[in-house]
Amino acid sequence: MTAPILPAPGTRLVELQLAREFGVSQAPVREALRERSSTRLVESLPPARNLRPRPLPG
């Protein structure tokens, strides 16, 4: 098994695409993105639900 490739900061995260990639429904993907947003690893940008990975502090 290979390690997943992380999206670059600023890349739009699409729930449906992520769900298909991981073979799950959108609900767990949505919950995971919500959790990552609360820890500031993902940021929500306008328009609503436009989620993108945040750059890591460096």
Protein backbone atom coordinates (compact mmCIF):
# COMPACT_ATOMS: atom_id res chain seq x y z
CA MET A 1 0.00 0.00 0.00
CA THR A 2 1.35 3.44 -0.88
CA ALA A 3 1.07 6.52 1.27
CA PRO A 4 -1.67 8.94 0.24
CA ILE A 5 -0.55 12.06 -1.57
CA LEU A 6 -1.51 15.16 0.37
CA PRO A 7 -3.06 18.01 -1.60
CA ALA A 8 -1.04 21.18 -1.86
CA PRO A 9 -2.13 24.14 0.29
CA GLY A 10 -4.80 26.11 -1.54
CA THR A 11 -6.09 23.10 -3.50
CA ARG A 12 -9.87 22.87 -3.41
CA LEU A 13 -11.09 19.81 -1.47
CA VAL A 14 -14.22 18.29 -3.01
CA GLU A 15 -16.20 15.98 -0.73
CA LEU A 16 -17.51 13.78 -3.53
CA GLN A 17 -14.07 13.29 -5.08
CA LEU A 18 -12.52 12.46 -1.70
CA ALA A 19 -15.36 10.04 -0.88
CA ARG A 20 -14.88 8.21 -4.17
CA GLU A 21 -11.10 8.12 -3.74
CA PHE A 22 -11.39 6.53 -0.28
CA GLY A 23 -14.41 4.36 -1.11
CA VAL A 24 -16.70 5.87 1.54
CA SER A 25 -19.84 8.00 1.57
CA GLN A 26 -19.66 11.78 1.78
CA ALA A 27 -20.77 11.87 5.44
CA PRO A 28 -17.45 10.66 6.95
CA VAL A 29 -15.51 12.89 4.57
CA ARG A 30 -17.64 15.89 5.58
CA GLU A 31 -17.11 15.11 9.27
CA ALA A 32 -13.34 14.70 8.79
CA LEU A 33 -13.13 18.02 6.94
CA ARG A 34 -15.16 19.69 9.70
CA GLU A 35 -12.77 18.30 12.32
CA ARG A 36 -9.73 19.42 10.33
CA SER A 37 -11.28 22.85 10.00
CA SER A 38 -11.64 23.09 13.79
CA THR A 39 -7.94 22.30 14.17
CA ARG A 40 -7.11 24.83 11.44
CA LEU A 41 -5.54 22.25 9.11
CA VAL A 42 -8.26 23.07 6.59
CA GLU A 43 -9.73 26.50 5.98
CA SER A 44 -13.12 27.45 4.61
CA LEU A 45 -13.11 30.18 1.99
CA PRO A 46 -15.99 31.94 0.23
CA PRO A 47 -18.20 30.68 -1.30
CA ALA A 48 -19.54 28.53 1.54
CA ARG A 49 -18.03 25.03 1.92
CA ASN A 50 -15.08 25.85 -0.29
CA LEU A 51 -12.47 24.00 1.78
CA ARG A 52 -8.72 24.08 1.20
CA PRO A 53 -5.70 22.75 3.12
CA ARG A 54 -3.87 25.49 5.03
CA PRO A 55 -0.13 25.93 4.61
CA LEU A 56 1.78 24.38 7.50
CA PRO A 57 3.70 26.82 9.68
CA GLY A 58 7.26 26.64 8.84
